[in-house]
Amino acid sequence: MIKGLRTAAYPVADLAGAKAWYGKVFNTEPYFDQPFYVGFSIGGFELGLIPDGTPGKTGSMVYWGVDDIEAEVARIVALGATLPGAIQDVGEGIRTVELADPFGNLLCLIDNPHFDLAAVR
């Protein structure tokens, strides 16, 4: 049985640079920091960085929840991400955006007023 998002793992060629950048994006320090893996706890879920990987923009897309998508896009772009496309309204008040991190991966955001935090298990 699939129980929901647990970990989003991004391959990175520059582990130290990615650790510092994602620390700023999520305003937190990693809870697990080893040369073979760096893990951040983000709202009860995990963001993992895997060293010596090949980043790509065509694999899985993991959407991180936000409450103010415009403000988060501006903040993350100021930290070095690029915005290849506009914020998209996908219906029923839900908006998404795909940013490109400085390491070649997608960092996707979703502003979903219907997300039920109580359903997370």
PDB file of N, CA and C in Angstrom:
ATOM      1  N   MET A   1       0.835  -1.170   0.000  1.00  0.00           N
ATOM      2  CA  MET A   1       0.000   0.000   0.000  1.00  0.00           C
ATOM      3  C   MET A   1       0.885   1.240   0.000  1.00  0.00           C
ATOM      4  N   ILE A   2       0.656   2.120  -0.913  1.00  0.00           N
ATOM      5  CA  ILE A   2       1.397   3.373  -0.955  1.00  0.00           C
ATOM      6  C   ILE A   2       0.791   4.307   0.075  1.00  0.00           C
ATOM      7  N   LYS A   3       1.644   4.864   0.928  1.00  0.00           N
ATOM      8  CA  LYS A   3       1.160   5.695   2.022  1.00  0.00           C
ATOM      9  C   LYS A   3       1.402   7.180   1.809  1.00  0.00           C
ATOM     10  N   GLY A   4       1.895   7.580   0.652  1.00  0.00           N
ATOM     11  CA  GLY A   4       2.121   8.995   0.391  1.00  0.00           C
ATOM     12  C   GLY A   4       3.599   9.338   0.314  1.00  0.00           C
ATOM     13  N   LEU A   5       3.878  10.562   0.022  1.00  0.00           N
ATOM     14  CA  LEU A   5       5.243  11.035  -0.145  1.00  0.00           C
ATOM     15  C   LEU A   5       6.048  10.803   1.130  1.00  0.00           C
ATOM     16  N   ARG A   6       7.227  10.240   0.989  1.00  0.00           N
ATOM     17  CA  ARG A   6       8.137  10.076   2.113  1.00  0.00           C
ATOM     18  C   ARG A   6       9.443  10.808   1.847  1.00  0.00           C
ATOM     19  N   THR A   7      10.008  10.590   0.656  1.00  0.00           N
ATOM     20  CA  THR A   7      11.312  11.160   0.341  1.00  0.00           C
ATOM     21  C   THR A   7      11.341  11.611  -1.110  1.00  0.00           C
ATOM     22  N   ALA A   8      11.890  12.780  -1.331  1.00  0.00           N
ATOM     23  CA  ALA A   8      12.231  13.238  -2.670  1.00  0.00           C
ATOM     24  C   ALA A   8      13.753  13.278  -2.695  1.00  0.00           C
ATOM     25  N   ALA A   9      14.362  12.508  -3.575  1.00  0.00           N
ATOM     26  CA  ALA A   9      15.823  12.444  -3.633  1.00  0.00           C
ATOM     27  C   ALA A   9      16.316  13.047  -4.937  1.00  0.00           C
ATOM     28  N   TYR A  10      17.291  13.948  -4.811  1.00  0.00           N
ATOM     29  CA  TYR A  10      17.854  14.604  -5.975  1.00  0.00           C
ATOM     30  C   TYR A  10      19.319  14.214  -6.118  1.00  0.00           C
ATOM     31  N   PRO A  11      19.734  13.753  -7.291  1.00  0.00           N
ATOM     32  CA  PRO A  11      21.155  13.521  -7.524  1.00  0.00           C
ATOM     33  C   PRO A  11      21.852  14.860  -7.747  1.00  0.00           C
ATOM     34  N   VAL A  12      23.042  15.006  -7.172  1.00  0.00           N
ATOM     35  CA  VAL A  12      23.797  16.251  -7.323  1.00  0.00           C
ATOM     36  C   VAL A  12      25.265  15.942  -7.553  1.00  0.00           C
ATOM     37  N   ALA A  13      25.909  16.739  -8.364  1.00  0.00           N
ATOM     38  CA  ALA A  13      27.345  16.587  -8.595  1.00  0.00           C
ATOM     39  C   ALA A  13      28.149  17.320  -7.526  1.00  0.00           C
ATOM     40  N   ASP A  14      27.577  18.372  -6.945  1.00  0.00           N
ATOM     41  CA  ASP A  14      28.241  19.190  -5.924  1.00  0.00           C
ATOM     42  C   ASP A  14      27.449  19.073  -4.623  1.00  0.00           C
ATOM     43  N   LEU A  15      27.781  18.083  -3.804  1.00  0.00           N
ATOM     44  CA  LEU A  15      27.018  17.829  -2.586  1.00  0.00           C
ATOM     45  C   LEU A  15      27.070  19.001  -1.615  1.00  0.00           C
ATOM     46  N   ALA A  16      28.241  19.569  -1.407  1.00  0.00           N
ATOM     47  CA  ALA A  16      28.367  20.696  -0.474  1.00  0.00           C
ATOM     48  C   ALA A  16      27.562  21.901  -0.960  1.00  0.00           C
ATOM     49  N   GLY A  17      27.655  22.210  -2.239  1.00  0.00           N
ATOM     50  CA  GLY A  17      26.904  23.334  -2.794  1.00  0.00           C
ATOM     51  C   GLY A  17      25.406  23.106  -2.717  1.00  0.00           C
ATOM     52  N   ALA A  18      24.962  21.886  -3.040  1.00  0.00           N
ATOM     53  CA  ALA A  18      23.535  21.567  -2.988  1.00  0.00           C
ATOM     54  C   ALA A  18      23.028  21.597  -1.553  1.00  0.00           C
ATOM     55  N   LYS A  19      23.823  21.091  -0.617  1.00  0.00           N
ATOM     56  CA  LYS A  19      23.428  21.105   0.799  1.00  0.00           C
ATOM     57  C   LYS A  19      23.225  22.547   1.273  1.00  0.00           C
ATOM     58  N   ALA A  20      24.151  23.431   0.931  1.00  0.00           N
ATOM     59  CA  ALA A  20      24.033  24.832   1.338  1.00  0.00           C
ATOM     60  C   ALA A  20      22.821  25.491   0.676  1.00  0.00           C
ATOM     61  N   TRP A  21      22.623  25.235  -0.612  1.00  0.00           N
ATOM     62  CA  TRP A  21      21.530  25.867  -1.344  1.00  0.00           C
ATOM     63  C   TRP A  21      20.172  25.400  -0.823  1.00  0.00           C
ATOM     64  N   TYR A  22      19.993  24.090  -0.697  1.00  0.00           N
ATOM     65  CA  TYR A  22      18.714  23.579  -0.210  1.00  0.00           C
ATOM     66  C   TYR A  22      18.483  23.964   1.245  1.00  0.00           C
ATOM     67  N   GLY A  23      19.542  24.098   2.029  1.00  0.00           N
ATOM     68  CA  GLY A  23      19.405  24.598   3.391  1.00  0.00           C
ATOM     69  C   GLY A  23      18.804  25.990   3.410  1.00  0.00           C
ATOM     70  N   LYS A  24      19.225  26.834   2.457  1.00  0.00           N
ATOM     71  CA  LYS A  24      18.658  28.186   2.352  1.00  0.00           C
ATOM     72  C   LYS A  24      17.222  28.158   1.830  1.00  0.00           C
ATOM     73  N   VAL A  25      16.968  27.333   0.812  1.00  0.00           N
ATOM     74  CA  VAL A  25      15.626  27.263   0.237  1.00  0.00           C
ATOM     75  C   VAL A  25      14.604  26.861   1.298  1.00  0.00           C
ATOM     76  N   PHE A  26      14.935  25.833   2.089  1.00  0.00           N
ATOM     77  CA  PHE A  26      13.995  25.330   3.081  1.00  0.00           C
ATOM     78  C   PHE A  26      14.236  25.891   4.478  1.00  0.00           C
ATOM     79  N   ASN A  27      15.216  26.770   4.603  1.00  0.00           N
ATOM     80  CA  ASN A  27      15.535  27.444   5.862  1.00  0.00           C
ATOM     81  C   ASN A  27      15.735  26.441   7.011  1.00  0.00           C
ATOM     82  N   THR A  28      16.566  25.435   6.743  1.00  0.00           N
ATOM     83  CA  THR A  28      16.837  24.405   7.744  1.00  0.00           C
ATOM     84  C   THR A  28      18.185  23.754   7.475  1.00  0.00           C
ATOM     85  N   GLU A  29      18.706  23.111   8.474  1.00  0.00           N
ATOM     86  CA  GLU A  29      19.941  22.341   8.349  1.00  0.00           C
ATOM     87  C   GLU A  29      19.581  20.868   8.154  1.00  0.00           C
ATOM     88  N   PRO A  30      20.448  20.098   7.513  1.00  0.00           N
ATOM     89  CA  PRO A  30      20.158  18.669   7.378  1.00  0.00           C
ATOM     90  C   PRO A  30      20.158  17.971   8.736  1.00  0.00           C
ATOM     91  N   TYR A  31      19.318  16.967   8.867  1.00  0.00           N
ATOM     92  CA  TYR A  31      19.321  16.158  10.086  1.00  0.00           C
ATOM     93  C   TYR A  31      20.273  14.973   9.930  1.00  0.00           C
ATOM     94  N   PHE A  32      20.613  14.645   8.677  1.00  0.00           N
ATOM     95  CA  PHE A  32      21.539  13.559   8.370  1.00  0.00           C
ATOM     96  C   PHE A  32      22.520  14.085   7.355  1.00  0.00           C
ATOM     97  N   ASP A  33      23.801  14.043   7.675  1.00  0.00           N
ATOM     98  CA  ASP A  33      24.809  14.674   6.823  1.00  0.00           C
ATOM     99  C   ASP A  33      26.044  13.786   6.744  1.00  0.00           C
ATOM    100  N   GLN A  34      26.089  12.968   5.703  1.00  0.00           N
ATOM    101  CA  GLN A  34      27.205  12.058   5.477  1.00  0.00           C
ATOM    102  C   GLN A  34      27.699  12.235   4.039  1.00  0.00           C
ATOM    103  N   PRO A  35      28.913  11.810   3.747  1.00  0.00           N
ATOM    104  CA  PRO A  35      29.428  11.955   2.382  1.00  0.00           C
ATOM    105  C   PRO A  35      28.615  11.190   1.333  1.00  0.00           C
ATOM    106  N   PHE A  36      27.848  10.183   1.754  1.00  0.00           N
ATOM    107  CA  PHE A  36      27.082   9.368   0.815  1.00  0.00           C
ATOM    108  C   PHE A  36      25.616   9.776   0.705  1.00  0.00           C
ATOM    109  N   TYR A  37      25.155  10.690   1.592  1.00  0.00           N
ATOM    110  CA  TYR A  37      23.755  11.106   1.568  1.00  0.00           C
ATOM    111  C   TYR A  37      23.556  12.251   2.547  1.00  0.00           C
ATOM    112  N   VAL A  38      22.773  13.247   2.124  1.00  0.00           N
ATOM    113  CA  VAL A  38      22.381  14.343   3.016  1.00  0.00           C
ATOM    114  C   VAL A  38      20.860  14.363   3.035  1.00  0.00           C
ATOM    115  N   GLY A  39      20.284  14.361   4.250  1.00  0.00           N
ATOM    116  CA  GLY A  39      18.832  14.340   4.383  1.00  0.00           C
ATOM    117  C   GLY A  39      18.320  15.524   5.182  1.00  0.00           C
ATOM    118  N   PHE A  40      17.291  16.160   4.655  1.00  0.00           N
ATOM    119  CA  PHE A  40      16.605  17.257   5.333  1.00  0.00           C
ATOM    120  C   PHE A  40      15.200  16.780   5.698  1.00  0.00           C
ATOM    121  N   SER A  41      14.698  17.169   6.851  1.00  0.00           N
ATOM    122  CA  SER A  41      13.321  16.899   7.230  1.00  0.00           C
ATOM    123  C   SER A  41      12.516  18.150   6.911  1.00  0.00           C
ATOM    124  N   ILE A  42      11.575  18.019   5.974  1.00  0.00           N
ATOM    125  CA  ILE A  42      10.787  19.152   5.499  1.00  0.00           C
ATOM    126  C   ILE A  42       9.312  18.858   5.739  1.00  0.00           C
ATOM    127  N   GLY A  43       8.752  19.455   6.755  1.00  0.00           N
ATOM    128  CA  GLY A  43       7.327  19.288   7.029  1.00  0.00           C
ATOM    129  C   GLY A  43       6.915  17.839   7.229  1.00  0.00           C
ATOM    130  N   GLY A  44       7.777  17.043   7.817  1.00  0.00           N
ATOM    131  CA  GLY A  44       7.462  15.645   8.046  1.00  0.00           C
ATOM    132  C   GLY A  44       7.860  14.725   6.906  1.00  0.00           C
ATOM    133  N   PHE A  45       8.392  15.279   5.831  1.00  0.00           N
ATOM    134  CA  PHE A  45       8.847  14.487   4.696  1.00  0.00           C
ATOM    135  C   PHE A  45      10.351  14.671   4.547  1.00  0.00           C
ATOM    136  N   GLU A  46      10.956  13.931   3.657  1.00  0.00           N
ATOM    137  CA  GLU A  46      12.405  14.001   3.503  1.00  0.00           C
ATOM    138  C   GLU A  46      12.825  14.473   2.125  1.00  0.00           C
ATOM    139  N   LEU A  47      13.803  15.368   2.116  1.00  0.00           N
ATOM    140  CA  LEU A  47      14.508  15.757   0.898  1.00  0.00           C
ATOM    141  C   LEU A  47      15.901  15.173   1.025  1.00  0.00           C
ATOM    142  N   GLY A  48      16.256  14.297   0.117  1.00  0.00           N
ATOM    143  CA  GLY A  48      17.564  13.669   0.147  1.00  0.00           C
ATOM    144  C   GLY A  48      18.424  14.137  -1.008  1.00  0.00           C
ATOM    145  N   LEU A  49      19.713  14.315  -0.734  1.00  0.00           N
ATOM    146  CA  LEU A  49      20.681  14.667  -1.770  1.00  0.00           C
ATOM    147  C   LEU A  49      21.647  13.498  -1.916  1.00  0.00           C
ATOM    148  N   ILE A  50      21.792  13.022  -3.147  1.00  0.00           N
ATOM    149  CA  ILE A  50      22.642  11.877  -3.435  1.00  0.00           C
ATOM    150  C   ILE A  50      23.841  12.366  -4.239  1.00  0.00           C
ATOM    151  N   PRO A  51      25.065  12.197  -3.707  1.00  0.00           N
ATOM    152  CA  PRO A  51      26.254  12.726  -4.386  1.00  0.00           C
ATOM    153  C   PRO A  51      26.616  11.931  -5.641  1.00  0.00           C
ATOM    154  N   ASP A  52      27.413  12.578  -6.462  1.00  0.00           N
ATOM    155  CA  ASP A  52      27.953  11.964  -7.681  1.00  0.00           C
ATOM    156  C   ASP A  52      26.868  11.478  -8.626  1.00  0.00           C
ATOM    157  N   GLY A  53      25.716  12.110  -8.567  1.00  0.00           N
ATOM    158  CA  GLY A  53      24.614  11.729  -9.433  1.00  0.00           C
ATOM    159  C   GLY A  53      24.565  12.574 -10.685  1.00  0.00           C
ATOM    160  N   THR A  54      23.682  12.203 -11.561  1.00  0.00           N
ATOM    161  CA  THR A  54      23.459  12.957 -12.785  1.00  0.00           C
ATOM    162  C   THR A  54      22.089  13.602 -12.694  1.00  0.00           C
ATOM    163  N   PRO A  55      22.053  14.913 -12.413  1.00  0.00           N
ATOM    164  CA  PRO A  55      20.763  15.595 -12.321  1.00  0.00           C
ATOM    165  C   PRO A  55      20.036  15.572 -13.652  1.00  0.00           C
ATOM    166  N   GLY A  56      18.745  15.738 -13.591  1.00  0.00           N
ATOM    167  CA  GLY A  56      17.964  15.780 -14.815  1.00  0.00           C
ATOM    168  C   GLY A  56      16.613  16.415 -14.589  1.00  0.00           C
ATOM    169  N   LYS A  57      16.057  16.928 -15.654  1.00  0.00           N
ATOM    170  CA  LYS A  57      14.767  17.606 -15.575  1.00  0.00           C
ATOM    171  C   LYS A  57      13.655  16.757 -16.184  1.00  0.00           C
ATOM    172  N   THR A  58      13.903  15.461 -16.386  1.00  0.00           N
ATOM    173  CA  THR A  58      12.900  14.636 -17.049  1.00  0.00           C
ATOM    174  C   THR A  58      12.435  13.458 -16.219  1.00  0.00           C
ATOM    175  N   GLY A  59      12.896  13.346 -14.984  1.00  0.00           N
ATOM    176  CA  GLY A  59      12.505  12.224 -14.132  1.00  0.00           C
ATOM    177  C   GLY A  59      11.249  12.538 -13.357  1.00  0.00           C
ATOM    178  N   SER A  60      11.174  11.998 -12.160  1.00  0.00           N
ATOM    179  CA  SER A  60      10.013  12.222 -11.302  1.00  0.00           C
ATOM    180  C   SER A  60       9.880  13.697 -10.956  1.00  0.00           C
ATOM    181  N   MET A  61       8.653  14.119 -10.786  1.00  0.00           N
ATOM    182  CA  MET A  61       8.395  15.495 -10.379  1.00  0.00           C
ATOM    183  C   MET A  61       7.764  15.452  -9.000  1.00  0.00           C
ATOM    184  N   VAL A  62       8.425  16.046  -8.037  1.00  0.00           N
ATOM    185  CA  VAL A  62       7.946  16.093  -6.661  1.00  0.00           C
ATOM    186  C   VAL A  62       7.537  17.529  -6.379  1.00  0.00           C
ATOM    187  N   TYR A  63       6.315  17.708  -5.907  1.00  0.00           N
ATOM    188  CA  TYR A  63       5.801  19.043  -5.631  1.00  0.00           C
ATOM    189  C   TYR A  63       5.809  19.294  -4.129  1.00  0.00           C
ATOM    190  N   TRP A  64       6.454  20.384  -3.736  1.00  0.00           N
ATOM    191  CA  TRP A  64       6.526  20.802  -2.338  1.00  0.00           C
ATOM    192  C   TRP A  64       5.449  21.850  -2.092  1.00  0.00           C
ATOM    193  N   GLY A  65       4.676  21.679  -1.034  1.00  0.00           N
ATOM    194  CA  GLY A  65       3.568  22.573  -0.730  1.00  0.00           C
ATOM    195  C   GLY A  65       4.026  23.927  -0.208  1.00  0.00           C
ATOM    196  N   VAL A  66       3.362  24.968  -0.655  1.00  0.00           N
ATOM    197  CA  VAL A  66       3.606  26.334  -0.187  1.00  0.00           C
ATOM    198  C   VAL A  66       2.258  27.034  -0.011  1.00  0.00           C
ATOM    199  N   ASP A  67       2.262  28.118   0.760  1.00  0.00           N
ATOM    200  CA  ASP A  67       1.036  28.896   0.952  1.00  0.00           C
ATOM    201  C   ASP A  67       0.985  30.142   0.076  1.00  0.00           C
ATOM    202  N   ASP A  68       2.144  30.670  -0.318  1.00  0.00           N
ATOM    203  CA  ASP A  68       2.204  31.880  -1.150  1.00  0.00           C
ATOM    204  C   ASP A  68       3.203  31.609  -2.272  1.00  0.00           C
ATOM    205  N   ILE A  69       2.707  31.084  -3.373  1.00  0.00           N
ATOM    206  CA  ILE A  69       3.585  30.604  -4.436  1.00  0.00           C
ATOM    207  C   ILE A  69       4.413  31.735  -5.066  1.00  0.00           C
ATOM    208  N   GLU A  70       3.827  32.926  -5.207  1.00  0.00           N
ATOM    209  CA  GLU A  70       4.590  34.032  -5.796  1.00  0.00           C
ATOM    210  C   GLU A  70       5.788  34.404  -4.923  1.00  0.00           C
ATOM    211  N   ALA A  71       5.551  34.504  -3.633  1.00  0.00           N
ATOM    212  CA  ALA A  71       6.632  34.875  -2.716  1.00  0.00           C
ATOM    213  C   ALA A  71       7.726  33.817  -2.704  1.00  0.00           C
ATOM    214  N   GLU A  72       7.344  32.543  -2.716  1.00  0.00           N
ATOM    215  CA  GLU A  72       8.347  31.475  -2.700  1.00  0.00           C
ATOM    216  C   GLU A  72       9.144  31.435  -3.992  1.00  0.00           C
ATOM    217  N   VAL A  73       8.477  31.660  -5.120  1.00  0.00           N
ATOM    218  CA  VAL A  73       9.196  31.698  -6.397  1.00  0.00           C
ATOM    219  C   VAL A  73      10.215  32.829  -6.379  1.00  0.00           C
ATOM    220  N   ALA A  74       9.811  33.998  -5.937  1.00  0.00           N
ATOM    221  CA  ALA A  74      10.732  35.141  -5.883  1.00  0.00           C
ATOM    222  C   ALA A  74      11.916  34.844  -4.973  1.00  0.00           C
ATOM    223  N   ARG A  75      11.649  34.252  -3.820  1.00  0.00           N
ATOM    224  CA  ARG A  75      12.716  33.950  -2.864  1.00  0.00           C
ATOM    225  C   ARG A  75      13.692  32.913  -3.419  1.00  0.00           C
ATOM    226  N   ILE A  76      13.160  31.865  -4.049  1.00  0.00           N
ATOM    227  CA  ILE A  76      14.020  30.785  -4.537  1.00  0.00           C
ATOM    228  C   ILE A  76      14.782  31.218  -5.779  1.00  0.00           C
ATOM    229  N   VAL A  77      14.184  32.032  -6.630  1.00  0.00           N
ATOM    230  CA  VAL A  77      14.917  32.591  -7.777  1.00  0.00           C
ATOM    231  C   VAL A  77      16.056  33.481  -7.285  1.00  0.00           C
ATOM    232  N   ALA A  78      15.813  34.258  -6.228  1.00  0.00           N
ATOM    233  CA  ALA A  78      16.875  35.101  -5.657  1.00  0.00           C
ATOM    234  C   ALA A  78      18.019  34.259  -5.106  1.00  0.00           C
ATOM    235  N   LEU A  79      17.742  33.008  -4.750  1.00  0.00           N
ATOM    236  CA  LEU A  79      18.780  32.105  -4.252  1.00  0.00           C
ATOM    237  C   LEU A  79      19.514  31.374  -5.370  1.00  0.00           C
ATOM    238  N   GLY A  80      19.112  31.610  -6.628  1.00  0.00           N
ATOM    239  CA  GLY A  80      19.862  31.046  -7.746  1.00  0.00           C
ATOM    240  C   GLY A  80      19.109  30.094  -8.648  1.00  0.00           C
ATOM    241  N   ALA A  81      17.853  29.815  -8.355  1.00  0.00           N
ATOM    242  CA  ALA A  81      17.062  28.972  -9.254  1.00  0.00           C
ATOM    243  C   ALA A  81      16.653  29.787 -10.474  1.00  0.00           C
ATOM    244  N   THR A  82      16.267  29.103 -11.534  1.00  0.00           N
ATOM    245  CA  THR A  82      15.719  29.780 -12.703  1.00  0.00           C
ATOM    246  C   THR A  82      14.264  29.352 -12.864  1.00  0.00           C
ATOM    247  N   LEU A  83      13.524  30.198 -13.522  1.00  0.00           N
ATOM    248  CA  LEU A  83      12.095  29.984 -13.719  1.00  0.00           C
ATOM    249  C   LEU A  83      11.831  29.828 -15.213  1.00  0.00           C
ATOM    250  N   PRO A  84      11.833  28.576 -15.702  1.00  0.00           N
ATOM    251  CA  PRO A  84      11.653  28.371 -17.140  1.00  0.00           C
ATOM    252  C   PRO A  84      10.247  28.669 -17.646  1.00  0.00           C
ATOM    253  N   GLY A  85       9.248  28.659 -16.761  1.00  0.00           N
ATOM    254  CA  GLY A  85       7.876  28.915 -17.175  1.00  0.00           C
ATOM    255  C   GLY A  85       7.125  29.641 -16.078  1.00  0.00           C
ATOM    256  N   ALA A  86       5.918  30.029 -16.380  1.00  0.00           N
ATOM    257  CA  ALA A  86       5.104  30.793 -15.436  1.00  0.00           C
ATOM    258  C   ALA A  86       4.402  29.875 -14.439  1.00  0.00           C
ATOM    259  N   ILE A  87       3.919  30.468 -13.372  1.00  0.00           N
ATOM    260  CA  ILE A  87       3.055  29.764 -12.433  1.00  0.00           C
ATOM    261  C   ILE A  87       1.780  29.393 -13.192  1.00  0.00           C
ATOM    262  N   GLN A  88       1.340  28.151 -13.029  1.00  0.00           N
ATOM    263  CA  GLN A  88       0.171  27.658 -13.753  1.00  0.00           C
ATOM    264  C   GLN A  88      -1.012  27.460 -12.805  1.00  0.00           C
ATOM    265  N   ASP A  89      -2.174  27.948 -13.218  1.00  0.00           N
ATOM    266  CA  ASP A  89      -3.410  27.667 -12.498  1.00  0.00           C
ATOM    267  C   ASP A  89      -3.941  26.373 -13.096  1.00  0.00           C
ATOM    268  N   VAL A  90      -3.996  25.304 -12.274  1.00  0.00           N
ATOM    269  CA  VAL A  90      -4.423  24.010 -12.789  1.00  0.00           C
ATOM    270  C   VAL A  90      -5.869  23.684 -12.398  1.00  0.00           C
ATOM    271  N   GLY A  91      -6.576  24.674 -11.886  1.00  0.00           N
ATOM    272  CA  GLY A  91      -7.989  24.511 -11.565  1.00  0.00           C
ATOM    273  C   GLY A  91      -8.273  24.423 -10.081  1.00  0.00           C
ATOM    274  N   GLU A  92      -9.460  24.820  -9.707  1.00  0.00           N
ATOM    275  CA  GLU A  92      -9.948  24.757  -8.335  1.00  0.00           C
ATOM    276  C   GLU A  92      -9.041  25.466  -7.338  1.00  0.00           C
ATOM    277  N   GLY A  93      -8.376  26.531  -7.779  1.00  0.00           N
ATOM    278  CA  GLY A  93      -7.521  27.313  -6.896  1.00  0.00           C
ATOM    279  C   GLY A  93      -6.139  26.732  -6.672  1.00  0.00           C
ATOM    280  N   ILE A  94      -5.809  25.664  -7.370  1.00  0.00           N
ATOM    281  CA  ILE A  94      -4.503  25.015  -7.226  1.00  0.00           C
ATOM    282  C   ILE A  94      -3.545  25.595  -8.265  1.00  0.00           C
ATOM    283  N   ARG A  95      -2.357  26.008  -7.786  1.00  0.00           N
ATOM    284  CA  ARG A  95      -1.363  26.570  -8.694  1.00  0.00           C
ATOM    285  C   ARG A  95      -0.032  25.845  -8.501  1.00  0.00           C
ATOM    286  N   THR A  96       0.672  25.637  -9.612  1.00  0.00           N
ATOM    287  CA  THR A  96       1.945  24.935  -9.585  1.00  0.00           C
ATOM    288  C   THR A  96       2.992  25.717 -10.372  1.00  0.00           C
ATOM    289  N   VAL A  97       4.243  25.388 -10.099  1.00  0.00           N
ATOM    290  CA  VAL A  97       5.343  25.989 -10.853  1.00  0.00           C
ATOM    291  C   VAL A  97       6.527  25.030 -10.794  1.00  0.00           C
ATOM    292  N   GLU A  98       7.326  25.054 -11.853  1.00  0.00           N
ATOM    293  CA  GLU A  98       8.551  24.260 -11.916  1.00  0.00           C
ATOM    294  C   GLU A  98       9.724  25.215 -12.014  1.00  0.00           C
ATOM    295  N   LEU A  99      10.630  25.108 -11.060  1.00  0.00           N
ATOM    296  CA  LEU A  99      11.865  25.890 -11.089  1.00  0.00           C
ATOM    297  C   LEU A  99      13.014  24.937 -11.397  1.00  0.00           C
ATOM    298  N   ALA A 100      14.101  25.475 -11.912  1.00  0.00           N
ATOM    299  CA  ALA A 100      15.309  24.675 -12.131  1.00  0.00           C
ATOM    300  C   ALA A 100      16.322  25.073 -11.073  1.00  0.00           C
ATOM    301  N   ASP A 101      16.762  24.096 -10.279  1.00  0.00           N
ATOM    302  CA  ASP A 101      17.759  24.415  -9.268  1.00  0.00           C
ATOM    303  C   ASP A 101      19.124  24.611  -9.923  1.00  0.00           C
ATOM    304  N   PRO A 102      20.107  25.157  -9.212  1.00  0.00           N
ATOM    305  CA  PRO A 102      21.419  25.404  -9.821  1.00  0.00           C
ATOM    306  C   PRO A 102      22.183  24.128 -10.163  1.00  0.00           C
ATOM    307  N   PHE A 103      21.631  22.953  -9.837  1.00  0.00           N
ATOM    308  CA  PHE A 103      22.331  21.697 -10.020  1.00  0.00           C
ATOM    309  C   PHE A 103      21.742  20.837 -11.121  1.00  0.00           C
ATOM    310  N   GLY A 104      20.707  21.352 -11.819  1.00  0.00           N
ATOM    311  CA  GLY A 104      20.146  20.649 -12.955  1.00  0.00           C
ATOM    312  C   GLY A 104      18.882  19.855 -12.678  1.00  0.00           C
ATOM    313  N   ASN A 105      18.310  19.988 -11.491  1.00  0.00           N
ATOM    314  CA  ASN A 105      17.080  19.281 -11.145  1.00  0.00           C
ATOM    315  C   ASN A 105      15.886  20.230 -11.144  1.00  0.00           C
ATOM    316  N   LEU A 106      14.699  19.651 -11.230  1.00  0.00           N
ATOM    317  CA  LEU A 106      13.485  20.432 -11.065  1.00  0.00           C
ATOM    318  C   LEU A 106      13.155  20.550  -9.584  1.00  0.00           C
ATOM    319  N   LEU A 107      12.722  21.714  -9.191  1.00  0.00           N
ATOM    320  CA  LEU A 107      12.182  21.955  -7.856  1.00  0.00           C
ATOM    321  C   LEU A 107      10.772  22.481  -8.088  1.00  0.00           C
ATOM    322  N   CYS A 108       9.774  21.645  -7.837  1.00  0.00           N
ATOM    323  CA  CYS A 108       8.388  21.986  -8.142  1.00  0.00           C
ATOM    324  C   CYS A 108       7.654  22.409  -6.877  1.00  0.00           C
ATOM    325  N   LEU A 109       6.817  23.417  -7.008  1.00  0.00           N
ATOM    326  CA  LEU A 109       6.019  23.918  -5.898  1.00  0.00           C
ATOM    327  C   LEU A 109       4.543  23.811  -6.237  1.00  0.00           C
ATOM    328  N   ILE A 110       3.723  23.607  -5.200  1.00  0.00           N
ATOM    329  CA  ILE A 110       2.280  23.568  -5.377  1.00  0.00           C
ATOM    330  C   ILE A 110       1.624  24.358  -4.248  1.00  0.00           C
ATOM    331  N   ASP A 111       0.693  25.209  -4.615  1.00  0.00           N
ATOM    332  CA  ASP A 111      -0.136  25.959  -3.673  1.00  0.00           C
ATOM    333  C   ASP A 111      -1.534  25.368  -3.817  1.00  0.00           C
ATOM    334  N   ASN A 112      -1.879  24.455  -2.902  1.00  0.00           N
ATOM    335  CA  ASN A 112      -3.127  23.699  -3.002  1.00  0.00           C
ATOM    336  C   ASN A 112      -3.975  23.954  -1.757  1.00  0.00           C
ATOM    337  N   PRO A 113      -5.002  24.811  -1.873  1.00  0.00           N
ATOM    338  CA  PRO A 113      -5.832  25.102  -0.714  1.00  0.00           C
ATOM    339  C   PRO A 113      -6.663  23.911  -0.247  1.00  0.00           C
ATOM    340  N   HIS A 114      -6.704  22.842  -1.011  1.00  0.00           N
ATOM    341  CA  HIS A 114      -7.491  21.668  -0.668  1.00  0.00           C
ATOM    342  C   HIS A 114      -6.670  20.569   0.010  1.00  0.00           C
ATOM    343  N   PHE A 115      -5.353  20.794   0.174  1.00  0.00           N
ATOM    344  CA  PHE A 115      -4.492  19.779   0.787  1.00  0.00           C
ATOM    345  C   PHE A 115      -4.946  19.534   2.222  1.00  0.00           C
ATOM    346  N   ASP A 116      -5.157  18.289   2.578  1.00  0.00           N
ATOM    347  CA  ASP A 116      -5.648  17.911   3.900  1.00  0.00           C
ATOM    348  C   ASP A 116      -4.489  17.367   4.728  1.00  0.00           C
ATOM    349  N   LEU A 117      -3.884  18.203   5.539  1.00  0.00           N
ATOM    350  CA  LEU A 117      -2.752  17.794   6.362  1.00  0.00           C
ATOM    351  C   LEU A 117      -3.143  16.654   7.311  1.00  0.00           C
ATOM    352  N   ALA A 118      -4.381  16.616   7.742  1.00  0.00           N
ATOM    353  CA  ALA A 118      -4.812  15.566   8.654  1.00  0.00           C
ATOM    354  C   ALA A 118      -4.784  14.197   7.987  1.00  0.00           C
ATOM    355  N   ALA A 119      -4.779  14.153   6.656  1.00  0.00           N
ATOM    356  CA  ALA A 119      -4.762  12.884   5.939  1.00  0.00           C
ATOM    357  C   ALA A 119      -3.339  12.310   5.803  1.00  0.00           C
ATOM    358  N   VAL A 120      -2.329  13.099   6.153  1.00  0.00           N
ATOM    359  CA  VAL A 120      -0.937  12.630   6.068  1.00  0.00           C
ATOM    360  C   VAL A 120      -0.720  11.587   7.138  1.00  0.00           C
ATOM    361  N   ARG A 121      -0.145  10.440   6.762  1.00  0.00           N
ATOM    362  CA  ARG A 121       0.131   9.393   7.745  1.00  0.00           C
ATOM    363  C   ARG A 121       1.496   8.811   7.569  1.00  0.00           C
TER     364      ARG A 121
END
